[in-house]
């Protein structure tokens, strides 16, 4: 009985962790699509490629970027 309970606990934990990682990775694309109109409005002179680079830079250096502001 103890082995079954331990196996079930491990399975549920692994499933929850896998789901969380999957959800975190899927959110990146939708964030970019949601941010693009606002970024175009704030920076009308930049191309979409430049906006994407800015977005990725901010995502990678989020805490440091906010501290500099």
PDB file of N, CA and C in Angstrom:
ATOM      1  N   UNK A   1       0.816  -1.194   0.000  1.00  0.00           N
ATOM      2  CA  UNK A   1       0.000   0.000   0.000  1.00  0.00           C
ATOM      3  C   UNK A   1       0.870   1.274   0.000  1.00  0.00           C
ATOM      4  N   UNK A   2       1.958   1.229   0.767  1.00  0.00           N
ATOM      5  CA  UNK A   2       2.841   2.390   0.828  1.00  0.00           C
ATOM      6  C   UNK A   2       3.484   2.656  -0.537  1.00  0.00           C
ATOM      7  N   UNK A   3       3.838   1.603  -1.241  1.00  0.00           N
ATOM      8  CA  UNK A   3       4.459   1.769  -2.560  1.00  0.00           C
ATOM      9  C   UNK A   3       3.474   2.374  -3.545  1.00  0.00           C
ATOM     10  N   UNK A   4       2.235   1.939  -3.481  1.00  0.00           N
ATOM     11  CA  UNK A   4       1.206   2.467  -4.362  1.00  0.00           C
ATOM     12  C   UNK A   4       0.962   3.941  -4.075  1.00  0.00           C
ATOM     13  N   UNK A   5       0.908   4.308  -2.824  1.00  0.00           N
ATOM     14  CA  UNK A   5       0.709   5.709  -2.441  1.00  0.00           C
ATOM     15  C   UNK A   5       1.892   6.561  -2.887  1.00  0.00           C
ATOM     16  N   UNK A   6       3.101   6.068  -2.701  1.00  0.00           N
ATOM     17  CA  UNK A   6       4.292   6.805  -3.113  1.00  0.00           C
ATOM     18  C   UNK A   6       4.327   6.964  -4.629  1.00  0.00           C
ATOM     19  N   UNK A   7       4.002   5.916  -5.350  1.00  0.00           N
ATOM     20  CA  UNK A   7       3.999   5.974  -6.812  1.00  0.00           C
ATOM     21  C   UNK A   7       2.939   6.962  -7.307  1.00  0.00           C
ATOM     22  N   UNK A   8       1.776   6.935  -6.696  1.00  0.00           N
ATOM     23  CA  UNK A   8       0.713   7.864  -7.070  1.00  0.00           C
ATOM     24  C   UNK A   8       1.125   9.312  -6.790  1.00  0.00           C
ATOM     25  N   UNK A   9       1.743   9.551  -5.654  1.00  0.00           N
ATOM     26  CA  UNK A   9       2.211  10.892  -5.306  1.00  0.00           C
ATOM     27  C   UNK A   9       3.263  11.381  -6.301  1.00  0.00           C
ATOM     28  N   UNK A  10       4.174  10.512  -6.677  1.00  0.00           N
ATOM     29  CA  UNK A  10       5.208  10.886  -7.655  1.00  0.00           C
ATOM     30  C   UNK A  10       4.578  11.183  -9.009  1.00  0.00           C
ATOM     31  N   UNK A  11       3.626  10.359  -9.423  1.00  0.00           N
ATOM     32  CA  UNK A  11       2.965  10.568 -10.705  1.00  0.00           C
ATOM     33  C   UNK A  11       2.221  11.903 -10.731  1.00  0.00           C
ATOM     34  N   UNK A  12       1.475  12.191  -9.682  1.00  0.00           N
ATOM     35  CA  UNK A  12       0.716  13.444  -9.623  1.00  0.00           C
ATOM     36  C   UNK A  12       1.658  14.640  -9.599  1.00  0.00           C
ATOM     37  N   UNK A  13       2.743  14.554  -8.867  1.00  0.00           N
ATOM     38  CA  UNK A  13       3.716  15.648  -8.812  1.00  0.00           C
ATOM     39  C   UNK A  13       4.366  15.876 -10.173  1.00  0.00           C
ATOM     40  N   UNK A  14       4.749  14.806 -10.840  1.00  0.00           N
ATOM     41  CA  UNK A  14       5.372  14.929 -12.160  1.00  0.00           C
ATOM     42  C   UNK A  14       4.388  15.513 -13.168  1.00  0.00           C
ATOM     43  N   UNK A  15       3.140  15.080 -13.103  1.00  0.00           N
ATOM     44  CA  UNK A  15       2.125  15.601 -14.007  1.00  0.00           C
ATOM     45  C   UNK A  15       1.903  17.102 -13.780  1.00  0.00           C
ATOM     46  N   UNK A  16       1.829  17.518 -12.532  1.00  0.00           N
ATOM     47  CA  UNK A  16       1.625  18.936 -12.222  1.00  0.00           C
ATOM     48  C   UNK A  16       2.809  19.775 -12.688  1.00  0.00           C
ATOM     49  N   UNK A  17       4.008  19.302 -12.475  1.00  0.00           N
ATOM     50  CA  UNK A  17       5.208  20.030 -12.901  1.00  0.00           C
ATOM     51  C   UNK A  17       5.268  20.126 -14.422  1.00  0.00           C
ATOM     52  N   UNK A  18       4.983  19.039 -15.102  1.00  0.00           N
ATOM     53  CA  UNK A  18       5.005  19.036 -16.566  1.00  0.00           C
ATOM     54  C   UNK A  18       3.970  20.005 -17.125  1.00  0.00           C
ATOM     55  N   UNK A  19       2.797  20.022 -16.532  1.00  0.00           N
ATOM     56  CA  UNK A  19       1.741  20.929 -16.976  1.00  0.00           C
ATOM     57  C   UNK A  19       2.155  22.388 -16.771  1.00  0.00           C
ATOM     58  N   UNK A  20       2.763  22.684 -15.646  1.00  0.00           N
ATOM     59  CA  UNK A  20       3.195  24.062 -15.367  1.00  0.00           C
ATOM     60  C   UNK A  20       4.261  24.517 -16.357  1.00  0.00           C
ATOM     61  N   UNK A  21       5.219  23.662 -16.656  1.00  0.00           N
ATOM     62  CA  UNK A  21       6.275  24.012 -17.609  1.00  0.00           C
ATOM     63  C   UNK A  21       5.688  24.211 -19.000  1.00  0.00           C
ATOM     64  N   UNK A  22       4.789  23.350 -19.401  1.00  0.00           N
ATOM     65  CA  UNK A  22       4.147  23.468 -20.708  1.00  0.00           C
ATOM     66  C   UNK A  22       3.373  24.779 -20.804  1.00  0.00           C
ATOM     67  N   UNK A  23       2.629  25.104 -19.767  1.00  0.00           N
ATOM     68  CA  UNK A  23       1.837  26.338 -19.772  1.00  0.00           C
ATOM     69  C   UNK A  23       2.739  27.569 -19.823  1.00  0.00           C
ATOM     70  N   UNK A  24       3.842  27.536 -19.113  1.00  0.00           N
ATOM     71  CA  UNK A  24       4.766  28.675 -19.118  1.00  0.00           C
ATOM     72  C   UNK A  24       5.372  28.878 -20.501  1.00  0.00           C
ATOM     73  N   UNK A  25       5.686  27.810 -21.191  1.00  0.00           N
ATOM     74  CA  UNK A  25       6.271  27.922 -22.525  1.00  0.00           C
ATOM     75  C   UNK A  25       5.245  28.374 -23.551  1.00  0.00           C
ATOM     76  N   UNK A  26       4.013  27.977 -23.420  1.00  0.00           N
ATOM     77  CA  UNK A  26       2.976  28.344 -24.366  1.00  0.00           C
ATOM     78  C   UNK A  26       2.596  29.812 -24.239  1.00  0.00           C
ATOM     79  N   UNK A  27       2.771  30.388 -23.099  1.00  0.00           N
ATOM     80  CA  UNK A  27       2.344  31.760 -22.850  1.00  0.00           C
ATOM     81  C   UNK A  27       3.227  32.787 -23.565  1.00  0.00           C
ATOM     82  N   UNK A  28       4.446  32.446 -23.901  1.00  0.00           N
ATOM     83  CA  UNK A  28       5.364  33.407 -24.530  1.00  0.00           C
ATOM     84  C   UNK A  28       4.837  33.939 -25.852  1.00  0.00           C
ATOM     85  N   UNK A  29       4.286  33.070 -26.682  1.00  0.00           N
ATOM     86  CA  UNK A  29       3.804  33.483 -27.996  1.00  0.00           C
ATOM     87  C   UNK A  29       2.596  34.395 -27.856  1.00  0.00           C
ATOM     88  N   UNK A  30       1.671  34.048 -26.986  1.00  0.00           N
ATOM     89  CA  UNK A  30       0.472  34.880 -26.840  1.00  0.00           C
ATOM     90  C   UNK A  30       0.819  36.233 -26.223  1.00  0.00           C
ATOM     91  N   UNK A  31       1.812  36.257 -25.310  1.00  0.00           N
ATOM     92  CA  UNK A  31       2.231  37.539 -24.736  1.00  0.00           C
ATOM     93  C   UNK A  31       2.740  38.472 -25.830  1.00  0.00           C
ATOM     94  N   UNK A  32       3.549  37.950 -26.730  1.00  0.00           N
ATOM     95  CA  UNK A  32       4.098  38.754 -27.817  1.00  0.00           C
ATOM     96  C   UNK A  32       2.969  39.285 -28.693  1.00  0.00           C
ATOM     97  N   UNK A  33       2.022  38.442 -29.035  1.00  0.00           N
ATOM     98  CA  UNK A  33       0.914  38.866 -29.892  1.00  0.00           C
ATOM     99  C   UNK A  33       0.045  39.913 -29.199  1.00  0.00           C
ATOM    100  N   UNK A  34      -0.115  39.788 -27.892  1.00  0.00           N
ATOM    101  CA  UNK A  34      -0.905  40.766 -27.144  1.00  0.00           C
ATOM    102  C   UNK A  34      -0.160  42.086 -26.984  1.00  0.00           C
ATOM    103  N   UNK A  35       1.146  42.030 -26.857  1.00  0.00           N
ATOM    104  CA  UNK A  35       1.949  43.229 -26.633  1.00  0.00           C
ATOM    105  C   UNK A  35       2.204  44.018 -27.911  1.00  0.00           C
ATOM    106  N   UNK A  36       2.193  43.348 -29.056  1.00  0.00           N
ATOM    107  CA  UNK A  36       2.582  43.986 -30.311  1.00  0.00           C
ATOM    108  C   UNK A  36       1.785  45.254 -30.639  1.00  0.00           C
ATOM    109  N   UNK A  37       0.456  45.271 -30.559  1.00  0.00           N
ATOM    110  CA  UNK A  37      -0.261  46.514 -30.879  1.00  0.00           C
ATOM    111  C   UNK A  37       0.124  47.686 -29.980  1.00  0.00           C
ATOM    112  N   UNK A  38       0.284  47.419 -28.693  1.00  0.00           N
ATOM    113  CA  UNK A  38       0.662  48.483 -27.770  1.00  0.00           C
ATOM    114  C   UNK A  38       2.089  48.970 -28.059  1.00  0.00           C
ATOM    115  N   UNK A  39       2.979  48.035 -28.363  1.00  0.00           N
ATOM    116  CA  UNK A  39       4.357  48.420 -28.666  1.00  0.00           C
ATOM    117  C   UNK A  39       4.421  49.244 -29.950  1.00  0.00           C
ATOM    118  N   UNK A  40       3.614  48.884 -30.946  1.00  0.00           N
ATOM    119  CA  UNK A  40       3.573  49.666 -32.183  1.00  0.00           C
ATOM    120  C   UNK A  40       3.060  51.076 -31.919  1.00  0.00           C
ATOM    121  N   UNK A  41       2.116  51.191 -31.009  1.00  0.00           N
ATOM    122  CA  UNK A  41       1.578  52.510 -30.673  1.00  0.00           C
ATOM    123  C   UNK A  41       2.614  53.345 -29.918  1.00  0.00           C
ATOM    124  N   UNK A  42       3.349  52.710 -29.016  1.00  0.00           N
ATOM    125  CA  UNK A  42       4.343  53.431 -28.218  1.00  0.00           C
ATOM    126  C   UNK A  42       5.603  53.762 -29.022  1.00  0.00           C
ATOM    127  N   UNK A  43       5.939  52.913 -29.986  1.00  0.00           N
ATOM    128  CA  UNK A  43       7.157  53.091 -30.781  1.00  0.00           C
ATOM    129  C   UNK A  43       6.810  52.967 -32.265  1.00  0.00           C
ATOM    130  N   UNK A  44       6.148  53.956 -32.830  1.00  0.00           N
ATOM    131  CA  UNK A  44       5.672  53.839 -34.220  1.00  0.00           C
ATOM    132  C   UNK A  44       6.785  53.810 -35.266  1.00  0.00           C
ATOM    133  N   UNK A  45       7.969  54.280 -34.926  1.00  0.00           N
ATOM    134  CA  UNK A  45       9.058  54.338 -35.906  1.00  0.00           C
ATOM    135  C   UNK A  45       9.869  53.047 -35.982  1.00  0.00           C
ATOM    136  N   UNK A  46       9.610  52.092 -35.104  1.00  0.00           N
ATOM    137  CA  UNK A  46      10.376  50.849 -35.100  1.00  0.00           C
ATOM    138  C   UNK A  46       9.690  49.795 -35.956  1.00  0.00           C
ATOM    139  N   UNK A  47      10.515  48.959 -36.578  1.00  0.00           N
ATOM    140  CA  UNK A  47       9.967  47.858 -37.371  1.00  0.00           C
ATOM    141  C   UNK A  47       9.523  46.741 -36.425  1.00  0.00           C
ATOM    142  N   UNK A  48       8.793  45.779 -36.984  1.00  0.00           N
ATOM    143  CA  UNK A  48       8.333  44.663 -36.159  1.00  0.00           C
ATOM    144  C   UNK A  48       9.515  43.835 -35.659  1.00  0.00           C
ATOM    145  N   UNK A  49      10.559  43.746 -36.471  1.00  0.00           N
ATOM    146  CA  UNK A  49      11.763  43.015 -36.060  1.00  0.00           C
ATOM    147  C   UNK A  49      12.424  43.706 -34.866  1.00  0.00           C
ATOM    148  N   UNK A  50      12.524  45.033 -34.910  1.00  0.00           N
ATOM    149  CA  UNK A  50      13.117  45.778 -33.808  1.00  0.00           C
ATOM    150  C   UNK A  50      12.264  45.653 -32.538  1.00  0.00           C
ATOM    151  N   UNK A  51      10.953  45.670 -32.713  1.00  0.00           N
ATOM    152  CA  UNK A  51      10.066  45.511 -31.567  1.00  0.00           C
ATOM    153  C   UNK A  51      10.228  44.127 -30.942  1.00  0.00           C
ATOM    154  N   UNK A  52      10.359  43.105 -31.776  1.00  0.00           N
ATOM    155  CA  UNK A  52      10.554  41.738 -31.285  1.00  0.00           C
ATOM    156  C   UNK A  52      11.860  41.643 -30.506  1.00  0.00           C
ATOM    157  N   UNK A  53      12.926  42.267 -31.016  1.00  0.00           N
ATOM    158  CA  UNK A  53      14.207  42.252 -30.314  1.00  0.00           C
ATOM    159  C   UNK A  53      14.094  42.965 -28.970  1.00  0.00           C
ATOM    160  N   UNK A  54      13.380  44.080 -28.943  1.00  0.00           N
ATOM    161  CA  UNK A  54      13.186  44.817 -27.696  1.00  0.00           C
ATOM    162  C   UNK A  54      12.398  43.963 -26.697  1.00  0.00           C
ATOM    163  N   UNK A  55      11.363  43.308 -27.183  1.00  0.00           N
ATOM    164  CA  UNK A  55      10.534  42.450 -26.338  1.00  0.00           C
ATOM    165  C   UNK A  55      11.371  41.324 -25.736  1.00  0.00           C
ATOM    166  N   UNK A  56      12.168  40.659 -26.573  1.00  0.00           N
ATOM    167  CA  UNK A  56      12.997  39.558 -26.085  1.00  0.00           C
ATOM    168  C   UNK A  56      14.045  40.051 -25.095  1.00  0.00           C
ATOM    169  N   UNK A  57      14.619  41.215 -25.340  1.00  0.00           N
ATOM    170  CA  UNK A  57      15.602  41.792 -24.418  1.00  0.00           C
ATOM    171  C   UNK A  57      14.958  42.068 -23.059  1.00  0.00           C
ATOM    172  N   UNK A  58      13.772  42.632 -23.084  1.00  0.00           N
ATOM    173  CA  UNK A  58      13.080  42.925 -21.821  1.00  0.00           C
ATOM    174  C   UNK A  58      12.696  41.650 -21.086  1.00  0.00           C
ATOM    175  N   UNK A  59      12.291  40.613 -21.830  1.00  0.00           N
ATOM    176  CA  UNK A  59      11.925  39.344 -21.193  1.00  0.00           C
ATOM    177  C   UNK A  59      13.140  38.697 -20.538  1.00  0.00           C
ATOM    178  N   UNK A  60      14.308  38.810 -21.183  1.00  0.00           N
ATOM    179  CA  UNK A  60      15.507  38.161 -20.658  1.00  0.00           C
ATOM    180  C   UNK A  60      16.097  38.948 -19.486  1.00  0.00           C
ATOM    181  N   UNK A  61      15.965  40.262 -19.505  1.00  0.00           N
ATOM    182  CA  UNK A  61      16.577  41.111 -18.492  1.00  0.00           C
ATOM    183  C   UNK A  61      15.515  41.879 -17.715  1.00  0.00           C
ATOM    184  N   UNK A  62      14.395  41.269 -17.430  1.00  0.00           N
ATOM    185  CA  UNK A  62      13.251  41.954 -16.838  1.00  0.00           C
ATOM    186  C   UNK A  62      13.562  42.750 -15.594  1.00  0.00           C
ATOM    187  N   UNK A  63      14.159  42.125 -14.582  1.00  0.00           N
ATOM    188  CA  UNK A  63      14.420  42.819 -13.327  1.00  0.00           C
ATOM    189  C   UNK A  63      15.456  43.930 -13.509  1.00  0.00           C
ATOM    190  N   UNK A  64      16.485  43.682 -14.277  1.00  0.00           N
ATOM    191  CA  UNK A  64      17.519  44.684 -14.481  1.00  0.00           C
ATOM    192  C   UNK A  64      16.989  45.858 -15.276  1.00  0.00           C
ATOM    193  N   UNK A  65      16.131  45.594 -16.255  1.00  0.00           N
ATOM    194  CA  UNK A  65      15.562  46.672 -17.070  1.00  0.00           C
ATOM    195  C   UNK A  65      14.693  47.581 -16.224  1.00  0.00           C
ATOM    196  N   UNK A  66      13.876  47.005 -15.347  1.00  0.00           N
ATOM    197  CA  UNK A  66      13.007  47.804 -14.498  1.00  0.00           C
ATOM    198  C   UNK A  66      13.815  48.632 -13.495  1.00  0.00           C
ATOM    199  N   UNK A  67      14.915  48.100 -12.994  1.00  0.00           N
ATOM    200  CA  UNK A  67      15.754  48.840 -12.061  1.00  0.00           C
ATOM    201  C   UNK A  67      16.396  50.049 -12.739  1.00  0.00           C
ATOM    202  N   UNK A  68      16.754  49.921 -14.021  1.00  0.00           N
ATOM    203  CA  UNK A  68      17.375  51.019 -14.750  1.00  0.00           C
ATOM    204  C   UNK A  68      16.389  52.148 -15.009  1.00  0.00           C
ATOM    205  N   UNK A  69      15.115  51.810 -15.125  1.00  0.00           N
ATOM    206  CA  UNK A  69      14.109  52.839 -15.360  1.00  0.00           C
ATOM    207  C   UNK A  69      13.901  53.610 -14.092  1.00  0.00           C
TER     208      UNK A  69
END
